[in-house]
Amino acid sequence: MDLDGGGDTAGPATSESDSEASAPAAEPAASSNSGIDESLLSDIEKDAIGEVANISMGTSATTLYSLVNRKVNITTPQVSLANWETVTEEYPAPCVFIQI
């Protein structure tokens, strides 16, 4: 989630598919997954987690907009398996992570 310096032109929270394209999602600095078994979650389970995260982040972005009166852009969540150390090393700050 990123705050845009929109000032008076601020609008409600939007997802990437709602209107103009927002900044690209954070990409990992390295592509290693530290030996984590990706088959622990099925594609359907990953999609369900992504949908819950998308709904939650959308609601949070809307609330944040109402508090700061600035446009809040969110991107579609990307669900993957990782350990905490790998995540904090591979992604630059600021990022939002949800541990399940």
PDB file of N, CA and C in Angstrom:
ATOM      1  N   MET A   1       0.862  -1.147   0.000  1.00  0.00           N
ATOM      2  CA  MET A   1       0.000   0.000   0.000  1.00  0.00           C
ATOM      3  C   MET A   1       0.909   1.210   0.000  1.00  0.00           C
ATOM      4  N   ASP A   2       0.561   2.210  -0.803  1.00  0.00           N
ATOM      5  CA  ASP A   2       1.418   3.370  -0.840  1.00  0.00           C
ATOM      6  C   ASP A   2       0.571   4.623  -0.861  1.00  0.00           C
ATOM      7  N   LEU A   3       1.015   5.637  -0.152  1.00  0.00           N
ATOM      8  CA  LEU A   3       0.285   6.895  -0.088  1.00  0.00           C
ATOM      9  C   LEU A   3       0.748   7.790  -1.218  1.00  0.00           C
ATOM     10  N   ASP A   4      -0.191   8.355  -1.941  1.00  0.00           N
ATOM     11  CA  ASP A   4       0.107   9.273  -3.021  1.00  0.00           C
ATOM     12  C   ASP A   4      -0.073  10.687  -2.485  1.00  0.00           C
ATOM     13  N   GLY A   5       0.778  11.620  -2.861  1.00  0.00           N
ATOM     14  CA  GLY A   5       0.677  12.991  -2.373  1.00  0.00           C
ATOM     15  C   GLY A   5      -0.429  13.746  -3.062  1.00  0.00           C
ATOM     16  N   GLY A   6      -1.607  13.189  -3.135  1.00  0.00           N
ATOM     17  CA  GLY A   6      -2.706  13.741  -3.902  1.00  0.00           C
ATOM     18  C   GLY A   6      -3.323  15.016  -3.362  1.00  0.00           C
ATOM     19  N   GLY A   7      -3.179  15.312  -2.092  1.00  0.00           N
ATOM     20  CA  GLY A   7      -3.756  16.530  -1.531  1.00  0.00           C
ATOM     21  C   GLY A   7      -5.233  16.642  -1.806  1.00  0.00           C
ATOM     22  N   ASP A   8      -5.650  17.761  -2.444  1.00  0.00           N
ATOM     23  CA  ASP A   8      -7.060  17.996  -2.725  1.00  0.00           C
ATOM     24  C   ASP A   8      -7.622  17.048  -3.768  1.00  0.00           C
ATOM     25  N   THR A   9      -6.774  16.475  -4.603  1.00  0.00           N
ATOM     26  CA  THR A   9      -7.266  15.588  -5.643  1.00  0.00           C
ATOM     27  C   THR A   9      -7.368  14.148  -5.174  1.00  0.00           C
ATOM     28  N   ALA A  10      -7.258  13.938  -3.869  1.00  0.00           N
ATOM     29  CA  ALA A  10      -7.294  12.584  -3.331  1.00  0.00           C
ATOM     30  C   ALA A  10      -8.638  11.940  -3.601  1.00  0.00           C
ATOM     31  N   GLY A  11      -8.620  10.636  -3.741  1.00  0.00           N
ATOM     32  CA  GLY A  11      -9.841   9.893  -3.981  1.00  0.00           C
ATOM     33  C   GLY A  11      -9.887   8.680  -3.089  1.00  0.00           C
ATOM     34  N   PRO A  12     -10.961   7.918  -3.194  1.00  0.00           N
ATOM     35  CA  PRO A  12     -11.071   6.712  -2.388  1.00  0.00           C
ATOM     36  C   PRO A  12     -10.044   5.675  -2.823  1.00  0.00           C
ATOM     37  N   ALA A  13      -9.833   4.704  -1.975  1.00  0.00           N
ATOM     38  CA  ALA A  13      -8.874   3.645  -2.276  1.00  0.00           C
ATOM     39  C   ALA A  13      -9.284   2.929  -3.544  1.00  0.00           C
ATOM     40  N   THR A  14      -8.312   2.615  -4.359  1.00  0.00           N
ATOM     41  CA  THR A  14      -8.591   1.894  -5.587  1.00  0.00           C
ATOM     42  C   THR A  14      -7.630   0.739  -5.699  1.00  0.00           C
ATOM     43  N   SER A  15      -8.097  -0.339  -6.303  1.00  0.00           N
ATOM     44  CA  SER A  15      -7.171  -1.421  -6.587  1.00  0.00           C
ATOM     45  C   SER A  15      -6.641  -1.201  -7.987  1.00  0.00           C
ATOM     46  N   GLU A  16      -5.609  -1.935  -8.340  1.00  0.00           N
ATOM     47  CA  GLU A  16      -4.941  -1.742  -9.622  1.00  0.00           C
ATOM     48  C   GLU A  16      -5.911  -1.916 -10.781  1.00  0.00           C
ATOM     49  N   SER A  17      -6.913  -2.784 -10.639  1.00  0.00           N
ATOM     50  CA  SER A  17      -7.829  -3.039 -11.729  1.00  0.00           C
ATOM     51  C   SER A  17      -8.958  -2.013 -11.813  1.00  0.00           C
ATOM     52  N   ASP A  18      -9.158  -1.189 -10.787  1.00  0.00           N
ATOM     53  CA  ASP A  18     -10.259  -0.234 -10.777  1.00  0.00           C
ATOM     54  C   ASP A  18     -10.040   0.941 -11.723  1.00  0.00           C
ATOM     55  N   SER A  19      -8.859   1.514 -11.734  1.00  0.00           N
ATOM     56  CA  SER A  19      -8.636   2.695 -12.546  1.00  0.00           C
ATOM     57  C   SER A  19      -7.233   2.667 -13.095  1.00  0.00           C
ATOM     58  N   GLU A  20      -6.540   3.790 -13.004  1.00  0.00           N
ATOM     59  CA  GLU A  20      -5.204   3.886 -13.542  1.00  0.00           C
ATOM     60  C   GLU A  20      -4.268   2.892 -12.870  1.00  0.00           C
ATOM     61  N   ALA A  21      -3.234   2.486 -13.604  1.00  0.00           N
ATOM     62  CA  ALA A  21      -2.263   1.552 -13.046  1.00  0.00           C
ATOM     63  C   ALA A  21      -1.453   2.249 -11.962  1.00  0.00           C
ATOM     64  N   SER A  22      -1.243   1.561 -10.885  1.00  0.00           N
ATOM     65  CA  SER A  22      -0.441   2.118  -9.797  1.00  0.00           C
ATOM     66  C   SER A  22       0.976   1.589  -9.907  1.00  0.00           C
ATOM     67  N   ALA A  23       1.813   1.971  -8.968  1.00  0.00           N
ATOM     68  CA  ALA A  23       3.206   1.540  -8.977  1.00  0.00           C
ATOM     69  C   ALA A  23       3.265   0.019  -8.957  1.00  0.00           C
ATOM     70  N   PRO A  24       4.284  -0.555  -9.604  1.00  0.00           N
ATOM     71  CA  PRO A  24       4.378  -2.011  -9.620  1.00  0.00           C
ATOM     72  C   PRO A  24       4.592  -2.571  -8.226  1.00  0.00           C
ATOM     73  N   ALA A  25       4.115  -3.784  -8.027  1.00  0.00           N
ATOM     74  CA  ALA A  25       4.277  -4.440  -6.730  1.00  0.00           C
ATOM     75  C   ALA A  25       5.751  -4.681  -6.454  1.00  0.00           C
ATOM     76  N   ALA A  26       6.100  -4.725  -5.192  1.00  0.00           N
ATOM     77  CA  ALA A  26       7.489  -4.979  -4.812  1.00  0.00           C
ATOM     78  C   ALA A  26       7.906  -6.351  -5.319  1.00  0.00           C
ATOM     79  N   GLU A  27       9.079  -6.422  -5.888  1.00  0.00           N
ATOM     80  CA  GLU A  27       9.616  -7.678  -6.388  1.00  0.00           C
ATOM     81  C   GLU A  27      10.747  -8.121  -5.471  1.00  0.00           C
ATOM     82  N   PRO A  28      10.893  -9.410  -5.280  1.00  0.00           N
ATOM     83  CA  PRO A  28      11.973  -9.871  -4.425  1.00  0.00           C
ATOM     84  C   PRO A  28      13.328  -9.578  -5.046  1.00  0.00           C
ATOM     85  N   ALA A  29      14.316  -9.306  -4.200  1.00  0.00           N
ATOM     86  CA  ALA A  29      15.663  -9.033  -4.672  1.00  0.00           C
ATOM     87  C   ALA A  29      16.314 -10.298  -5.211  1.00  0.00           C
ATOM     88  N   ALA A  30      15.962 -11.444  -4.663  1.00  0.00           N
ATOM     89  CA  ALA A  30      16.494 -12.718  -5.121  1.00  0.00           C
ATOM     90  C   ALA A  30      15.334 -13.679  -5.318  1.00  0.00           C
ATOM     91  N   SER A  31      15.539 -14.724  -6.103  1.00  0.00           N
ATOM     92  CA  SER A  31      14.428 -15.614  -6.416  1.00  0.00           C
ATOM     93  C   SER A  31      14.469 -16.924  -5.646  1.00  0.00           C
ATOM     94  N   SER A  32      15.242 -17.031  -4.604  1.00  0.00           N
ATOM     95  CA  SER A  32      15.311 -18.273  -3.838  1.00  0.00           C
ATOM     96  C   SER A  32      14.102 -18.379  -2.916  1.00  0.00           C
ATOM     97  N   ASN A  33      13.640 -19.615  -2.697  1.00  0.00           N
ATOM     98  CA  ASN A  33      12.521 -19.810  -1.777  1.00  0.00           C
ATOM     99  C   ASN A  33      12.950 -20.594  -0.553  1.00  0.00           C
ATOM    100  N   SER A  34      14.243 -20.702  -0.312  1.00  0.00           N
ATOM    101  CA  SER A  34      14.814 -21.326   0.881  1.00  0.00           C
ATOM    102  C   SER A  34      14.334 -22.751   1.102  1.00  0.00           C
ATOM    103  N   GLY A  35      14.094 -23.492   0.031  1.00  0.00           N
ATOM    104  CA  GLY A  35      13.733 -24.887   0.154  1.00  0.00           C
ATOM    105  C   GLY A  35      12.339 -25.150   0.681  1.00  0.00           C
ATOM    106  N   ILE A  36      11.434 -24.200   0.586  1.00  0.00           N
ATOM    107  CA  ILE A  36      10.069 -24.383   1.090  1.00  0.00           C
ATOM    108  C   ILE A  36       9.262 -25.155   0.047  1.00  0.00           C
ATOM    109  N   ASP A  37       8.507 -26.140   0.512  1.00  0.00           N
ATOM    110  CA  ASP A  37       7.693 -26.981  -0.360  1.00  0.00           C
ATOM    111  C   ASP A  37       6.455 -26.209  -0.808  1.00  0.00           C
ATOM    112  N   GLU A  38       6.454 -25.773  -2.066  1.00  0.00           N
ATOM    113  CA  GLU A  38       5.335 -24.983  -2.606  1.00  0.00           C
ATOM    114  C   GLU A  38       4.038 -25.786  -2.698  1.00  0.00           C
ATOM    115  N   SER A  39       4.112 -27.114  -2.585  1.00  0.00           N
ATOM    116  CA  SER A  39       2.901 -27.936  -2.694  1.00  0.00           C
ATOM    117  C   SER A  39       2.118 -27.996  -1.381  1.00  0.00           C
ATOM    118  N   LEU A  40       2.576 -27.292  -0.352  1.00  0.00           N
ATOM    119  CA  LEU A  40       1.848 -27.276   0.921  1.00  0.00           C
ATOM    120  C   LEU A  40       0.469 -26.644   0.770  1.00  0.00           C
ATOM    121  N   LEU A  41       0.321 -25.723  -0.165  1.00  0.00           N
ATOM    122  CA  LEU A  41      -0.971 -25.094  -0.452  1.00  0.00           C
ATOM    123  C   LEU A  41      -1.319 -25.329  -1.919  1.00  0.00           C
ATOM    124  N   SER A  42      -2.574 -25.686  -2.180  1.00  0.00           N
ATOM    125  CA  SER A  42      -3.025 -25.843  -3.563  1.00  0.00           C
ATOM    126  C   SER A  42      -3.268 -24.468  -4.180  1.00  0.00           C
ATOM    127  N   ASP A  43      -3.423 -24.423  -5.488  1.00  0.00           N
ATOM    128  CA  ASP A  43      -3.709 -23.156  -6.166  1.00  0.00           C
ATOM    129  C   ASP A  43      -5.017 -22.549  -5.670  1.00  0.00           C
ATOM    130  N   ILE A  44      -6.008 -23.398  -5.394  1.00  0.00           N
ATOM    131  CA  ILE A  44      -7.295 -22.903  -4.888  1.00  0.00           C
ATOM    132  C   ILE A  44      -7.120 -22.276  -3.514  1.00  0.00           C
ATOM    133  N   GLU A  45      -6.315 -22.893  -2.655  1.00  0.00           N
ATOM    134  CA  GLU A  45      -6.063 -22.343  -1.321  1.00  0.00           C
ATOM    135  C   GLU A  45      -5.313 -21.013  -1.417  1.00  0.00           C
ATOM    136  N   LYS A  46      -4.328 -20.938  -2.314  1.00  0.00           N
ATOM    137  CA  LYS A  46      -3.597 -19.683  -2.515  1.00  0.00           C
ATOM    138  C   LYS A  46      -4.533 -18.589  -3.031  1.00  0.00           C
ATOM    139  N   ASP A  47      -5.427 -18.941  -3.953  1.00  0.00           N
ATOM    140  CA  ASP A  47      -6.398 -17.970  -4.464  1.00  0.00           C
ATOM    141  C   ASP A  47      -7.324 -17.471  -3.359  1.00  0.00           C
ATOM    142  N   ALA A  48      -7.760 -18.378  -2.481  1.00  0.00           N
ATOM    143  CA  ALA A  48      -8.651 -17.991  -1.384  1.00  0.00           C
ATOM    144  C   ALA A  48      -7.936 -17.042  -0.419  1.00  0.00           C
ATOM    145  N   ILE A  49      -6.687 -17.334  -0.095  1.00  0.00           N
ATOM    146  CA  ILE A  49      -5.908 -16.452   0.785  1.00  0.00           C
ATOM    147  C   ILE A  49      -5.722 -15.093   0.122  1.00  0.00           C
ATOM    148  N   GLY A  50      -5.426 -15.106  -1.183  1.00  0.00           N
ATOM    149  CA  GLY A  50      -5.260 -13.851  -1.921  1.00  0.00           C
ATOM    150  C   GLY A  50      -6.526 -13.020  -1.936  1.00  0.00           C
ATOM    151  N   GLU A  51      -7.674 -13.665  -2.076  1.00  0.00           N
ATOM    152  CA  GLU A  51      -8.948 -12.943  -2.090  1.00  0.00           C
ATOM    153  C   GLU A  51      -9.251 -12.314  -0.733  1.00  0.00           C
ATOM    154  N   VAL A  52      -9.009 -13.069   0.339  1.00  0.00           N
ATOM    155  CA  VAL A  52      -9.212 -12.524   1.692  1.00  0.00           C
ATOM    156  C   VAL A  52      -8.275 -11.331   1.918  1.00  0.00           C
ATOM    157  N   ALA A  53      -7.021 -11.477   1.495  1.00  0.00           N
ATOM    158  CA  ALA A  53      -6.058 -10.382   1.641  1.00  0.00           C
ATOM    159  C   ALA A  53      -6.481  -9.166   0.827  1.00  0.00           C
ATOM    160  N   ASN A  54      -6.985  -9.381  -0.376  1.00  0.00           N
ATOM    161  CA  ASN A  54      -7.431  -8.286  -1.238  1.00  0.00           C
ATOM    162  C   ASN A  54      -8.600  -7.531  -0.608  1.00  0.00           C
ATOM    163  N   ILE A  55      -9.560  -8.259  -0.071  1.00  0.00           N
ATOM    164  CA  ILE A  55     -10.708  -7.631   0.592  1.00  0.00           C
ATOM    165  C   ILE A  55     -10.247  -6.852   1.823  1.00  0.00           C
ATOM    166  N   SER A  56      -9.377  -7.461   2.614  1.00  0.00           N
ATOM    167  CA  SER A  56      -8.880  -6.807   3.833  1.00  0.00           C
ATOM    168  C   SER A  56      -8.088  -5.543   3.518  1.00  0.00           C
ATOM    169  N   MET A  57      -7.187  -5.631   2.556  1.00  0.00           N
ATOM    170  CA  MET A  57      -6.371  -4.470   2.195  1.00  0.00           C
ATOM    171  C   MET A  57      -7.233  -3.374   1.576  1.00  0.00           C
ATOM    172  N   GLY A  58      -8.243  -3.743   0.806  1.00  0.00           N
ATOM    173  CA  GLY A  58      -9.145  -2.743   0.227  1.00  0.00           C
ATOM    174  C   GLY A  58      -9.904  -1.986   1.301  1.00  0.00           C
ATOM    175  N   THR A  59     -10.401  -2.712   2.283  1.00  0.00           N
ATOM    176  CA  THR A  59     -11.100  -2.077   3.399  1.00  0.00           C
ATOM    177  C   THR A  59     -10.155  -1.187   4.196  1.00  0.00           C
ATOM    178  N   SER A  60      -8.948  -1.678   4.437  1.00  0.00           N
ATOM    179  CA  SER A  60      -7.955  -0.897   5.176  1.00  0.00           C
ATOM    180  C   SER A  60      -7.568   0.364   4.420  1.00  0.00           C
ATOM    181  N   ALA A  61      -7.391   0.247   3.106  1.00  0.00           N
ATOM    182  CA  ALA A  61      -7.025   1.404   2.290  1.00  0.00           C
ATOM    183  C   ALA A  61      -8.130   2.456   2.305  1.00  0.00           C
ATOM    184  N   THR A  62      -9.374   2.016   2.247  1.00  0.00           N
ATOM    185  CA  THR A  62     -10.491   2.952   2.298  1.00  0.00           C
ATOM    186  C   THR A  62     -10.533   3.682   3.640  1.00  0.00           C
ATOM    187  N   THR A  63     -10.317   2.947   4.718  1.00  0.00           N
ATOM    188  CA  THR A  63     -10.286   3.557   6.054  1.00  0.00           C
ATOM    189  C   THR A  63      -9.127   4.534   6.175  1.00  0.00           C
ATOM    190  N   LEU A  64      -7.950   4.154   5.676  1.00  0.00           N
ATOM    191  CA  LEU A  64      -6.792   5.031   5.725  1.00  0.00           C
ATOM    192  C   LEU A  64      -7.047   6.311   4.931  1.00  0.00           C
ATOM    193  N   TYR A  65      -7.684   6.195   3.767  1.00  0.00           N
ATOM    194  CA  TYR A  65      -8.033   7.374   2.979  1.00  0.00           C
ATOM    195  C   TYR A  65      -8.908   8.329   3.792  1.00  0.00           C
ATOM    196  N   SER A  66      -9.897   7.767   4.496  1.00  0.00           N
ATOM    197  CA  SER A  66     -10.806   8.633   5.259  1.00  0.00           C
ATOM    198  C   SER A  66     -10.084   9.314   6.425  1.00  0.00           C
ATOM    199  N   LEU A  67      -9.019   8.702   6.929  1.00  0.00           N
ATOM    200  CA  LEU A  67      -8.266   9.295   8.035  1.00  0.00           C
ATOM    201  C   LEU A  67      -7.288  10.375   7.577  1.00  0.00           C
ATOM    202  N   VAL A  68      -6.619  10.141   6.445  1.00  0.00           N
ATOM    203  CA  VAL A  68      -5.566  11.064   6.005  1.00  0.00           C
ATOM    204  C   VAL A  68      -5.977  11.931   4.818  1.00  0.00           C
ATOM    205  N   ASN A  69      -7.141  11.651   4.243  1.00  0.00           N
ATOM    206  CA  ASN A  69      -7.665  12.398   3.095  1.00  0.00           C
ATOM    207  C   ASN A  69      -6.648  12.460   1.951  1.00  0.00           C
ATOM    208  N   ARG A  70      -6.005  11.334   1.697  1.00  0.00           N
ATOM    209  CA  ARG A  70      -5.063  11.206   0.587  1.00  0.00           C
ATOM    210  C   ARG A  70      -5.352   9.899  -0.128  1.00  0.00           C
ATOM    211  N   LYS A  71      -5.173   9.899  -1.459  1.00  0.00           N
ATOM    212  CA  LYS A  71      -5.418   8.708  -2.253  1.00  0.00           C
ATOM    213  C   LYS A  71      -4.485   7.583  -1.814  1.00  0.00           C
ATOM    214  N   VAL A  72      -5.028   6.381  -1.704  1.00  0.00           N
ATOM    215  CA  VAL A  72      -4.260   5.205  -1.317  1.00  0.00           C
ATOM    216  C   VAL A  72      -4.364   4.190  -2.442  1.00  0.00           C
ATOM    217  N   ASN A  73      -3.227   3.797  -2.997  1.00  0.00           N
ATOM    218  CA  ASN A  73      -3.199   2.800  -4.066  1.00  0.00           C
ATOM    219  C   ASN A  73      -2.781   1.456  -3.492  1.00  0.00           C
ATOM    220  N   ILE A  74      -3.481   0.409  -3.900  1.00  0.00           N
ATOM    221  CA  ILE A  74      -3.102  -0.940  -3.489  1.00  0.00           C
ATOM    222  C   ILE A  74      -2.933  -1.781  -4.741  1.00  0.00           C
ATOM    223  N   THR A  75      -2.153  -2.844  -4.622  1.00  0.00           N
ATOM    224  CA  THR A  75      -1.976  -3.775  -5.727  1.00  0.00           C
ATOM    225  C   THR A  75      -2.530  -5.132  -5.322  1.00  0.00           C
ATOM    226  N   THR A  76      -2.756  -5.974  -6.298  1.00  0.00           N
ATOM    227  CA  THR A  76      -3.279  -7.301  -6.043  1.00  0.00           C
ATOM    228  C   THR A  76      -2.264  -8.108  -5.233  1.00  0.00           C
ATOM    229  N   PRO A  77      -2.706  -8.753  -4.162  1.00  0.00           N
ATOM    230  CA  PRO A  77      -1.776  -9.540  -3.349  1.00  0.00           C
ATOM    231  C   PRO A  77      -1.185 -10.700  -4.142  1.00  0.00           C
ATOM    232  N   GLN A  78       0.058 -11.009  -3.843  1.00  0.00           N
ATOM    233  CA  GLN A  78       0.727 -12.174  -4.420  1.00  0.00           C
ATOM    234  C   GLN A  78       0.962 -13.160  -3.288  1.00  0.00           C
ATOM    235  N   VAL A  79       0.387 -14.356  -3.394  1.00  0.00           N
ATOM    236  CA  VAL A  79       0.492 -15.355  -2.333  1.00  0.00           C
ATOM    237  C   VAL A  79       1.631 -16.317  -2.673  1.00  0.00           C
ATOM    238  N   SER A  80       2.549 -16.466  -1.733  1.00  0.00           N
ATOM    239  CA  SER A  80       3.638 -17.430  -1.890  1.00  0.00           C
ATOM    240  C   SER A  80       4.067 -17.900  -0.507  1.00  0.00           C
ATOM    241  N   LEU A  81       4.759 -19.015  -0.473  1.00  0.00           N
ATOM    242  CA  LEU A  81       5.241 -19.558   0.790  1.00  0.00           C
ATOM    243  C   LEU A  81       6.674 -19.100   1.006  1.00  0.00           C
ATOM    244  N   ALA A  82       6.969 -18.664   2.212  1.00  0.00           N
ATOM    245  CA  ALA A  82       8.319 -18.200   2.550  1.00  0.00           C
ATOM    246  C   ALA A  82       8.490 -18.237   4.050  1.00  0.00           C
ATOM    247  N   ASN A  83       9.739 -18.223   4.486  1.00  0.00           N
ATOM    248  CA  ASN A  83       9.966 -18.063   5.920  1.00  0.00           C
ATOM    249  C   ASN A  83      10.222 -16.580   6.185  1.00  0.00           C
ATOM    250  N   TRP A  84      10.086 -16.187   7.436  1.00  0.00           N
ATOM    251  CA  TRP A  84      10.150 -14.768   7.790  1.00  0.00           C
ATOM    252  C   TRP A  84      11.498 -14.144   7.441  1.00  0.00           C
ATOM    253  N   GLU A  85      12.595 -14.863   7.692  1.00  0.00           N
ATOM    254  CA  GLU A  85      13.923 -14.320   7.416  1.00  0.00           C
ATOM    255  C   GLU A  85      14.101 -14.017   5.938  1.00  0.00           C
ATOM    256  N   THR A  86      13.655 -14.918   5.069  1.00  0.00           N
ATOM    257  CA  THR A  86      13.782 -14.720   3.628  1.00  0.00           C
ATOM    258  C   THR A  86      12.974 -13.513   3.181  1.00  0.00           C
ATOM    259  N   VAL A  87      11.767 -13.372   3.687  1.00  0.00           N
ATOM    260  CA  VAL A  87      10.905 -12.258   3.305  1.00  0.00           C
ATOM    261  C   VAL A  87      11.544 -10.919   3.670  1.00  0.00           C
ATOM    262  N   THR A  88      12.028 -10.807   4.885  1.00  0.00           N
ATOM    263  CA  THR A  88      12.596  -9.527   5.321  1.00  0.00           C
ATOM    264  C   THR A  88      13.904  -9.203   4.604  1.00  0.00           C
ATOM    265  N   GLU A  89      14.621 -10.209   4.138  1.00  0.00           N
ATOM    266  CA  GLU A  89      15.856  -9.973   3.393  1.00  0.00           C
ATOM    267  C   GLU A  89      15.582  -9.607   1.932  1.00  0.00           C
ATOM    268  N   GLU A  90      14.563 -10.207   1.318  1.00  0.00           N
ATOM    269  CA  GLU A  90      14.343 -10.061  -0.114  1.00  0.00           C
ATOM    270  C   GLU A  90      13.516  -8.849  -0.516  1.00  0.00           C
ATOM    271  N   TYR A  91      12.682  -8.342   0.351  1.00  0.00           N
ATOM    272  CA  TYR A  91      11.812  -7.226  -0.025  1.00  0.00           C
ATOM    273  C   TYR A  91      12.276  -5.940   0.647  1.00  0.00           C
ATOM    274  N   PRO A  92      12.347  -4.855  -0.127  1.00  0.00           N
ATOM    275  CA  PRO A  92      12.737  -3.570   0.462  1.00  0.00           C
ATOM    276  C   PRO A  92      11.590  -2.977   1.275  1.00  0.00           C
ATOM    277  N   ALA A  93      11.899  -2.130   2.215  1.00  0.00           N
ATOM    278  CA  ALA A  93      10.879  -1.431   2.996  1.00  0.00           C
ATOM    279  C   ALA A  93      10.434  -0.221   2.192  1.00  0.00           C
ATOM    280  N   PRO A  94       9.268   0.274   2.248  1.00  0.00           N
ATOM    281  CA  PRO A  94       8.156  -0.231   3.050  1.00  0.00           C
ATOM    282  C   PRO A  94       7.342  -1.280   2.291  1.00  0.00           C
ATOM    283  N   CYS A  95       6.960  -2.304   2.956  1.00  0.00           N
ATOM    284  CA  CYS A  95       6.099  -3.357   2.419  1.00  0.00           C
ATOM    285  C   CYS A  95       5.143  -3.785   3.515  1.00  0.00           C
ATOM    286  N   VAL A  96       4.032  -4.377   3.106  1.00  0.00           N
ATOM    287  CA  VAL A  96       3.072  -4.920   4.058  1.00  0.00           C
ATOM    288  C   VAL A  96       3.107  -6.429   3.909  1.00  0.00           C
ATOM    289  N   PHE A  97       3.324  -7.134   5.012  1.00  0.00           N
ATOM    290  CA  PHE A  97       3.339  -8.591   5.012  1.00  0.00           C
ATOM    291  C   PHE A  97       2.282  -9.087   5.969  1.00  0.00           C
ATOM    292  N   ILE A  98       1.664 -10.203   5.609  1.00  0.00           N
ATOM    293  CA  ILE A  98       0.687 -10.834   6.487  1.00  0.00           C
ATOM    294  C   ILE A  98       1.164 -12.254   6.725  1.00  0.00           C
ATOM    295  N   GLN A  99       1.402 -12.596   7.971  1.00  0.00           N
ATOM    296  CA  GLN A  99       1.848 -13.937   8.318  1.00  0.00           C
ATOM    297  C   GLN A  99       0.646 -14.752   8.737  1.00  0.00           C
ATOM    298  N   ILE A 100       0.455 -15.911   8.087  1.00  0.00           N
ATOM    299  CA  ILE A 100      -0.679 -16.793   8.395  1.00  0.00           C
ATOM    300  C   ILE A 100      -0.135 -18.083   8.972  1.00  0.00           C
TER     301      ILE A 100
END
